[in-house]
Amino acid sequence: MSKTLETRPGITSPGAVFGYLKGDDYLQGDDVERAYANKLLPKKLRIELDYLRTATFGTDLGIIFETARAIVVTAFRKRGV
């Protein structure tokens, strides 16, 4: 976790996109905070670390595209479309 905290924050990240698109799958059960800490957070951190090892301008553009897609998918999911 410390490696990701050492990185300057940005507008979006691959872990954030994953959280938007798949996070609900990991947050099942009565204790959502525990599910987040034990299931979703480790997955998001692995995604972030993989990104930090291989980050390029091209991957950043891909993340921006995926963020836009996640916003649209989430908006349609909430509207029931």
PDB file of N, CA and C in Angstrom:
ATOM      1  N   MET A   1       0.815  -1.184   0.000  1.00  0.00           N
ATOM      2  CA  MET A   1       0.000   0.000   0.000  1.00  0.00           C
ATOM      3  C   MET A   1       0.863   1.254   0.000  1.00  0.00           C
ATOM      4  N   SER A   2       1.993   1.218   0.673  1.00  0.00           N
ATOM      5  CA  SER A   2       2.824   2.425   0.779  1.00  0.00           C
ATOM      6  C   SER A   2       3.317   2.890  -0.587  1.00  0.00           C
ATOM      7  N   LYS A   3       3.594   1.955  -1.494  1.00  0.00           N
ATOM      8  CA  LYS A   3       4.048   2.331  -2.837  1.00  0.00           C
ATOM      9  C   LYS A   3       2.987   3.153  -3.560  1.00  0.00           C
ATOM     10  N   THR A   4       1.737   2.769  -3.427  1.00  0.00           N
ATOM     11  CA  THR A   4       0.683   3.534  -4.090  1.00  0.00           C
ATOM     12  C   THR A   4       0.486   4.890  -3.416  1.00  0.00           C
ATOM     13  N   LEU A   5       0.727   4.976  -2.126  1.00  0.00           N
ATOM     14  CA  LEU A   5       0.588   6.252  -1.424  1.00  0.00           C
ATOM     15  C   LEU A   5       1.720   7.217  -1.743  1.00  0.00           C
ATOM     16  N   GLU A   6       2.851   6.701  -2.194  1.00  0.00           N
ATOM     17  CA  GLU A   6       3.987   7.540  -2.571  1.00  0.00           C
ATOM     18  C   GLU A   6       3.784   8.186  -3.935  1.00  0.00           C
ATOM     19  N   THR A   7       2.834   7.699  -4.699  1.00  0.00           N
ATOM     20  CA  THR A   7       2.583   8.186  -6.050  1.00  0.00           C
ATOM     21  C   THR A   7       1.681   9.408  -6.010  1.00  0.00           C
ATOM     22  N   ARG A   8       2.020  10.400  -6.813  1.00  0.00           N
ATOM     23  CA  ARG A   8       1.191  11.608  -6.877  1.00  0.00           C
ATOM     24  C   ARG A   8      -0.199  11.246  -7.382  1.00  0.00           C
ATOM     25  N   PRO A   9      -1.228  11.766  -6.740  1.00  0.00           N
ATOM     26  CA  PRO A   9      -2.592  11.424  -7.156  1.00  0.00           C
ATOM     27  C   PRO A   9      -2.945  12.060  -8.492  1.00  0.00           C
ATOM     28  N   GLY A  10      -3.878  11.427  -9.159  1.00  0.00           N
ATOM     29  CA  GLY A  10      -4.376  11.939 -10.423  1.00  0.00           C
ATOM     30  C   GLY A  10      -5.890  11.967 -10.410  1.00  0.00           C
ATOM     31  N   ILE A  11      -6.451  12.169 -11.562  1.00  0.00           N
ATOM     32  CA  ILE A  11      -7.905  12.246 -11.687  1.00  0.00           C
ATOM     33  C   ILE A  11      -8.535  10.867 -11.615  1.00  0.00           C
ATOM     34  N   THR A  12      -7.893   9.888 -12.190  1.00  0.00           N
ATOM     35  CA  THR A  12      -8.429   8.536 -12.229  1.00  0.00           C
ATOM     36  C   THR A  12      -7.280   7.541 -12.137  1.00  0.00           C
ATOM     37  N   SER A  13      -7.621   6.282 -12.048  1.00  0.00           N
ATOM     38  CA  SER A  13      -6.606   5.225 -11.998  1.00  0.00           C
ATOM     39  C   SER A  13      -7.255   3.910 -12.390  1.00  0.00           C
ATOM     40  N   PRO A  14      -6.457   2.926 -12.743  1.00  0.00           N
ATOM     41  CA  PRO A  14      -7.044   1.639 -13.109  1.00  0.00           C
ATOM     42  C   PRO A  14      -7.765   0.982 -11.932  1.00  0.00           C
ATOM     43  N   GLY A  15      -7.285   1.184 -10.724  1.00  0.00           N
ATOM     44  CA  GLY A  15      -7.961   0.633  -9.547  1.00  0.00           C
ATOM     45  C   GLY A  15      -9.322   1.274  -9.330  1.00  0.00           C
ATOM     46  N   ALA A  16      -9.408   2.574  -9.582  1.00  0.00           N
ATOM     47  CA  ALA A  16     -10.688   3.267  -9.451  1.00  0.00           C
ATOM     48  C   ALA A  16     -11.684   2.764 -10.489  1.00  0.00           C
ATOM     49  N   VAL A  17     -11.229   2.583 -11.707  1.00  0.00           N
ATOM     50  CA  VAL A  17     -12.099   2.063 -12.764  1.00  0.00           C
ATOM     51  C   VAL A  17     -12.595   0.675 -12.388  1.00  0.00           C
ATOM     52  N   PHE A  18     -11.696  -0.167 -11.912  1.00  0.00           N
ATOM     53  CA  PHE A  18     -12.089  -1.508 -11.474  1.00  0.00           C
ATOM     54  C   PHE A  18     -13.140  -1.423 -10.375  1.00  0.00           C
ATOM     55  N   GLY A  19     -12.938  -0.524  -9.433  1.00  0.00           N
ATOM     56  CA  GLY A  19     -13.889  -0.357  -8.346  1.00  0.00           C
ATOM     57  C   GLY A  19     -15.271   0.035  -8.841  1.00  0.00           C
ATOM     58  N   TYR A  20     -15.317   0.940  -9.815  1.00  0.00           N
ATOM     59  CA  TYR A  20     -16.603   1.357 -10.375  1.00  0.00           C
ATOM     60  C   TYR A  20     -17.310   0.205 -11.082  1.00  0.00           C
ATOM     61  N   LEU A  21     -16.555  -0.556 -11.871  1.00  0.00           N
ATOM     62  CA  LEU A  21     -17.172  -1.589 -12.689  1.00  0.00           C
ATOM     63  C   LEU A  21     -17.409  -2.902 -11.952  1.00  0.00           C
ATOM     64  N   LYS A  22     -16.527  -3.277 -11.044  1.00  0.00           N
ATOM     65  CA  LYS A  22     -16.605  -4.597 -10.411  1.00  0.00           C
ATOM     66  C   LYS A  22     -16.734  -4.555  -8.897  1.00  0.00           C
ATOM     67  N   GLY A  23     -16.671  -3.380  -8.300  1.00  0.00           N
ATOM     68  CA  GLY A  23     -16.637  -3.268  -6.849  1.00  0.00           C
ATOM     69  C   GLY A  23     -17.806  -3.908  -6.141  1.00  0.00           C
ATOM     70  N   ASP A  24     -19.004  -3.762  -6.678  1.00  0.00           N
ATOM     71  CA  ASP A  24     -20.186  -4.331  -6.027  1.00  0.00           C
ATOM     72  C   ASP A  24     -20.096  -5.849  -5.899  1.00  0.00           C
ATOM     73  N   ASP A  25     -19.408  -6.492  -6.823  1.00  0.00           N
ATOM     74  CA  ASP A  25     -19.250  -7.950  -6.757  1.00  0.00           C
ATOM     75  C   ASP A  25     -18.457  -8.375  -5.525  1.00  0.00           C
ATOM     76  N   TYR A  26     -17.589  -7.509  -5.046  1.00  0.00           N
ATOM     77  CA  TYR A  26     -16.723  -7.819  -3.911  1.00  0.00           C
ATOM     78  C   TYR A  26     -17.326  -7.366  -2.582  1.00  0.00           C
ATOM     79  N   LEU A  27     -18.377  -6.584  -2.607  1.00  0.00           N
ATOM     80  CA  LEU A  27     -18.926  -5.991  -1.387  1.00  0.00           C
ATOM     81  C   LEU A  27     -20.222  -6.663  -0.959  1.00  0.00           C
ATOM     82  N   GLN A  28     -20.227  -7.965  -0.951  1.00  0.00           N
ATOM     83  CA  GLN A  28     -21.392  -8.728  -0.533  1.00  0.00           C
ATOM     84  C   GLN A  28     -21.298  -9.047   0.953  1.00  0.00           C
ATOM     85  N   GLY A  29     -22.440  -9.200   1.590  1.00  0.00           N
ATOM     86  CA  GLY A  29     -22.483  -9.577   2.990  1.00  0.00           C
ATOM     87  C   GLY A  29     -22.949  -8.446   3.876  1.00  0.00           C
ATOM     88  N   ASP A  30     -22.977  -8.720   5.162  1.00  0.00           N
ATOM     89  CA  ASP A  30     -23.485  -7.752   6.130  1.00  0.00           C
ATOM     90  C   ASP A  30     -22.471  -6.666   6.473  1.00  0.00           C
ATOM     91  N   ASP A  31     -21.192  -6.991   6.441  1.00  0.00           N
ATOM     92  CA  ASP A  31     -20.154  -6.036   6.844  1.00  0.00           C
ATOM     93  C   ASP A  31     -19.416  -5.537   5.600  1.00  0.00           C
ATOM     94  N   VAL A  32     -19.943  -4.473   5.020  1.00  0.00           N
ATOM     95  CA  VAL A  32     -19.390  -3.954   3.762  1.00  0.00           C
ATOM     96  C   VAL A  32     -17.983  -3.410   3.965  1.00  0.00           C
ATOM     97  N   GLU A  33     -17.728  -2.773   5.094  1.00  0.00           N
ATOM     98  CA  GLU A  33     -16.383  -2.240   5.346  1.00  0.00           C
ATOM     99  C   GLU A  33     -15.344  -3.354   5.418  1.00  0.00           C
ATOM    100  N   ARG A  34     -15.687  -4.438   6.067  1.00  0.00           N
ATOM    101  CA  ARG A  34     -14.762  -5.577   6.146  1.00  0.00           C
ATOM    102  C   ARG A  34     -14.560  -6.196   4.765  1.00  0.00           C
ATOM    103  N   ALA A  35     -15.643  -6.315   4.012  1.00  0.00           N
ATOM    104  CA  ALA A  35     -15.527  -6.856   2.650  1.00  0.00           C
ATOM    105  C   ALA A  35     -14.629  -5.965   1.803  1.00  0.00           C
ATOM    106  N   TYR A  36     -14.760  -4.647   1.954  1.00  0.00           N
ATOM    107  CA  TYR A  36     -13.899  -3.739   1.207  1.00  0.00           C
ATOM    108  C   TYR A  36     -12.432  -3.950   1.586  1.00  0.00           C
ATOM    109  N   ALA A  37     -12.159  -3.968   2.891  1.00  0.00           N
ATOM    110  CA  ALA A  37     -10.771  -4.095   3.366  1.00  0.00           C
ATOM    111  C   ALA A  37     -10.164  -5.441   3.015  1.00  0.00           C
ATOM    112  N   ASN A  38     -10.947  -6.500   3.058  1.00  0.00           N
ATOM    113  CA  ASN A  38     -10.398  -7.848   2.864  1.00  0.00           C
ATOM    114  C   ASN A  38     -10.470  -8.348   1.428  1.00  0.00           C
ATOM    115  N   LYS A  39     -11.408  -7.832   0.647  1.00  0.00           N
ATOM    116  CA  LYS A  39     -11.595  -8.364  -0.709  1.00  0.00           C
ATOM    117  C   LYS A  39     -11.300  -7.354  -1.811  1.00  0.00           C
ATOM    118  N   LEU A  40     -11.949  -6.181  -1.733  1.00  0.00           N
ATOM    119  CA  LEU A  40     -11.810  -5.225  -2.835  1.00  0.00           C
ATOM    120  C   LEU A  40     -10.501  -4.445  -2.790  1.00  0.00           C
ATOM    121  N   LEU A  41     -10.132  -3.931  -1.640  1.00  0.00           N
ATOM    122  CA  LEU A  41      -8.915  -3.120  -1.537  1.00  0.00           C
ATOM    123  C   LEU A  41      -7.665  -3.870  -1.988  1.00  0.00           C
ATOM    124  N   PRO A  42      -7.441  -5.125  -1.559  1.00  0.00           N
ATOM    125  CA  PRO A  42      -6.244  -5.826  -2.048  1.00  0.00           C
ATOM    126  C   PRO A  42      -6.213  -5.964  -3.573  1.00  0.00           C
ATOM    127  N   LYS A  43      -7.366  -6.203  -4.181  1.00  0.00           N
ATOM    128  CA  LYS A  43      -7.430  -6.329  -5.638  1.00  0.00           C
ATOM    129  C   LYS A  43      -7.095  -4.990  -6.298  1.00  0.00           C
ATOM    130  N   LYS A  44      -7.684  -3.897  -5.780  1.00  0.00           N
ATOM    131  CA  LYS A  44      -7.408  -2.575  -6.341  1.00  0.00           C
ATOM    132  C   LYS A  44      -5.930  -2.217  -6.196  1.00  0.00           C
ATOM    133  N   LEU A  45      -5.324  -2.547  -5.058  1.00  0.00           N
ATOM    134  CA  LEU A  45      -3.906  -2.240  -4.848  1.00  0.00           C
ATOM    135  C   LEU A  45      -3.019  -3.028  -5.809  1.00  0.00           C
ATOM    136  N   ARG A  46      -3.356  -4.302  -6.063  1.00  0.00           N
ATOM    137  CA  ARG A  46      -2.587  -5.093  -7.038  1.00  0.00           C
ATOM    138  C   ARG A  46      -2.673  -4.470  -8.424  1.00  0.00           C
ATOM    139  N   ILE A  47      -3.863  -4.013  -8.790  1.00  0.00           N
ATOM    140  CA  ILE A  47      -4.048  -3.366 -10.092  1.00  0.00           C
ATOM    141  C   ILE A  47      -3.213  -2.092 -10.164  1.00  0.00           C
ATOM    142  N   GLU A  48      -3.233  -1.303  -9.101  1.00  0.00           N
ATOM    143  CA  GLU A  48      -2.454  -0.055  -9.062  1.00  0.00           C
ATOM    144  C   GLU A  48      -0.951  -0.338  -9.163  1.00  0.00           C
ATOM    145  N   LEU A  49      -0.469  -1.337  -8.432  1.00  0.00           N
ATOM    146  CA  LEU A  49       0.959  -1.671  -8.485  1.00  0.00           C
ATOM    147  C   LEU A  49       1.374  -2.147  -9.868  1.00  0.00           C
ATOM    148  N   ASP A  50       0.540  -2.962 -10.501  1.00  0.00           N
ATOM    149  CA  ASP A  50       0.834  -3.398 -11.871  1.00  0.00           C
ATOM    150  C   ASP A  50       0.906  -2.193 -12.806  1.00  0.00           C
ATOM    151  N   TYR A  51      -0.018  -1.258 -12.633  1.00  0.00           N
ATOM    152  CA  TYR A  51      -0.010  -0.051 -13.451  1.00  0.00           C
ATOM    153  C   TYR A  51       1.278   0.747 -13.224  1.00  0.00           C
ATOM    154  N   LEU A  52       1.678   0.931 -11.967  1.00  0.00           N
ATOM    155  CA  LEU A  52       2.878   1.714 -11.668  1.00  0.00           C
ATOM    156  C   LEU A  52       4.128   1.109 -12.305  1.00  0.00           C
ATOM    157  N   ARG A  53       4.168  -0.201 -12.424  1.00  0.00           N
ATOM    158  CA  ARG A  53       5.327  -0.871 -13.034  1.00  0.00           C
ATOM    159  C   ARG A  53       5.379  -0.693 -14.541  1.00  0.00           C
ATOM    160  N   THR A  54       4.224  -0.492 -15.171  1.00  0.00           N
ATOM    161  CA  THR A  54       4.179  -0.492 -16.639  1.00  0.00           C
ATOM    162  C   THR A  54       3.589   0.787 -17.226  1.00  0.00           C
ATOM    163  N   ALA A  55       3.489   1.841 -16.449  1.00  0.00           N
ATOM    164  CA  ALA A  55       2.817   3.069 -16.904  1.00  0.00           C
ATOM    165  C   ALA A  55       3.536   3.706 -18.088  1.00  0.00           C
ATOM    166  N   THR A  56       2.741   4.054 -19.084  1.00  0.00           N
ATOM    167  CA  THR A  56       3.221   4.799 -20.248  1.00  0.00           C
ATOM    168  C   THR A  56       2.144   5.815 -20.628  1.00  0.00           C
ATOM    169  N   PHE A  57       2.472   6.697 -21.534  1.00  0.00           N
ATOM    170  CA  PHE A  57       1.485   7.642 -22.025  1.00  0.00           C
ATOM    171  C   PHE A  57       0.298   6.908 -22.644  1.00  0.00           C
ATOM    172  N   GLY A  58       0.581   5.843 -23.361  1.00  0.00           N
ATOM    173  CA  GLY A  58      -0.481   5.051 -23.993  1.00  0.00           C
ATOM    174  C   GLY A  58      -1.402   4.394 -22.973  1.00  0.00           C
ATOM    175  N   THR A  59      -0.830   3.845 -21.906  1.00  0.00           N
ATOM    176  CA  THR A  59      -1.696   3.244 -20.883  1.00  0.00           C
ATOM    177  C   THR A  59      -2.515   4.308 -20.179  1.00  0.00           C
ATOM    178  N   ASP A  60      -1.951   5.493 -20.011  1.00  0.00           N
ATOM    179  CA  ASP A  60      -2.714   6.582 -19.409  1.00  0.00           C
ATOM    180  C   ASP A  60      -3.915   6.965 -20.281  1.00  0.00           C
ATOM    181  N   LEU A  61      -3.706   7.024 -21.596  1.00  0.00           N
ATOM    182  CA  LEU A  61      -4.831   7.300 -22.496  1.00  0.00           C
ATOM    183  C   LEU A  61      -5.888   6.205 -22.404  1.00  0.00           C
ATOM    184  N   GLY A  62      -5.434   4.974 -22.294  1.00  0.00           N
ATOM    185  CA  GLY A  62      -6.370   3.862 -22.141  1.00  0.00           C
ATOM    186  C   GLY A  62      -7.180   3.967 -20.855  1.00  0.00           C
ATOM    187  N   ILE A  63      -6.538   4.405 -19.782  1.00  0.00           N
ATOM    188  CA  ILE A  63      -7.237   4.565 -18.507  1.00  0.00           C
ATOM    189  C   ILE A  63      -8.274   5.678 -18.610  1.00  0.00           C
ATOM    190  N   ILE A  64      -7.940   6.747 -19.307  1.00  0.00           N
ATOM    191  CA  ILE A  64      -8.911   7.827 -19.501  1.00  0.00           C
ATOM    192  C   ILE A  64     -10.124   7.305 -20.275  1.00  0.00           C
ATOM    193  N   PHE A  65      -9.882   6.538 -21.311  1.00  0.00           N
ATOM    194  CA  PHE A  65     -10.976   5.935 -22.082  1.00  0.00           C
ATOM    195  C   PHE A  65     -11.808   5.008 -21.204  1.00  0.00           C
ATOM    196  N   GLU A  66     -11.151   4.148 -20.430  1.00  0.00           N
ATOM    197  CA  GLU A  66     -11.859   3.210 -19.555  1.00  0.00           C
ATOM    198  C   GLU A  66     -12.648   3.937 -18.469  1.00  0.00           C
ATOM    199  N   THR A  67     -12.134   5.067 -18.001  1.00  0.00           N
ATOM    200  CA  THR A  67     -12.865   5.865 -17.011  1.00  0.00           C
ATOM    201  C   THR A  67     -14.158   6.395 -17.618  1.00  0.00           C
ATOM    202  N   ALA A  68     -14.079   6.920 -18.823  1.00  0.00           N
ATOM    203  CA  ALA A  68     -15.278   7.422 -19.500  1.00  0.00           C
ATOM    204  C   ALA A  68     -16.286   6.289 -19.705  1.00  0.00           C
ATOM    205  N   ARG A  69     -15.789   5.142 -20.109  1.00  0.00           N
ATOM    206  CA  ARG A  69     -16.671   3.976 -20.305  1.00  0.00           C
ATOM    207  C   ARG A  69     -17.313   3.568 -18.981  1.00  0.00           C
ATOM    208  N   ALA A  70     -16.551   3.563 -17.902  1.00  0.00           N
ATOM    209  CA  ALA A  70     -17.085   3.182 -16.587  1.00  0.00           C
ATOM    210  C   ALA A  70     -18.174   4.150 -16.136  1.00  0.00           C
ATOM    211  N   ILE A  71     -17.982   5.429 -16.413  1.00  0.00           N
ATOM    212  CA  ILE A  71     -18.994   6.423 -16.040  1.00  0.00           C
ATOM    213  C   ILE A  71     -20.286   6.168 -16.802  1.00  0.00           C
ATOM    214  N   VAL A  72     -20.176   5.912 -18.098  1.00  0.00           N
ATOM    215  CA  VAL A  72     -21.367   5.658 -18.915  1.00  0.00           C
ATOM    216  C   VAL A  72     -22.055   4.369 -18.464  1.00  0.00           C
ATOM    217  N   VAL A  73     -21.298   3.306 -18.279  1.00  0.00           N
ATOM    218  CA  VAL A  73     -21.873   2.029 -17.843  1.00  0.00           C
ATOM    219  C   VAL A  73     -22.565   2.182 -16.497  1.00  0.00           C
ATOM    220  N   THR A  74     -21.927   2.860 -15.569  1.00  0.00           N
ATOM    221  CA  THR A  74     -22.505   3.056 -14.238  1.00  0.00           C
ATOM    222  C   THR A  74     -23.773   3.897 -14.312  1.00  0.00           C
ATOM    223  N   ALA A  75     -23.762   4.924 -15.125  1.00  0.00           N
ATOM    224  CA  ALA A  75     -24.948   5.783 -15.270  1.00  0.00           C
ATOM    225  C   ALA A  75     -26.119   4.985 -15.842  1.00  0.00           C
ATOM    226  N   PHE A  76     -25.884   4.166 -16.859  1.00  0.00           N
ATOM    227  CA  PHE A  76     -26.955   3.374 -17.438  1.00  0.00           C
ATOM    228  C   PHE A  76     -27.435   2.299 -16.470  1.00  0.00           C
ATOM    229  N   ARG A  77     -26.529   1.718 -15.715  1.00  0.00           N
ATOM    230  CA  ARG A  77     -26.888   0.700 -14.727  1.00  0.00           C
ATOM    231  C   ARG A  77     -27.814   1.301 -13.663  1.00  0.00           C
ATOM    232  N   LYS A  78     -27.521   2.511 -13.227  1.00  0.00           N
ATOM    233  CA  LYS A  78     -28.341   3.153 -12.203  1.00  0.00           C
ATOM    234  C   LYS A  78     -29.702   3.571 -12.733  1.00  0.00           C
ATOM    235  N   ARG A  79     -29.772   3.878 -14.010  1.00  0.00           N
ATOM    236  CA  ARG A  79     -31.036   4.288 -14.609  1.00  0.00           C
ATOM    237  C   ARG A  79     -31.890   3.076 -14.977  1.00  0.00           C
ATOM    238  N   GLY A  80     -31.289   1.882 -14.934  1.00  0.00           N
ATOM    239  CA  GLY A  80     -32.031   0.672 -15.284  1.00  0.00           C
ATOM    240  C   GLY A  80     -32.153   0.436 -16.757  1.00  0.00           C
ATOM    241  N   VAL A  81     -31.274   1.051 -17.534  1.00  0.00           N
ATOM    242  CA  VAL A  81     -31.320   0.912 -19.002  1.00  0.00           C
ATOM    243  C   VAL A  81     -30.553  -0.317 -19.410  1.00  0.00           C
TER     244      VAL A  81
END
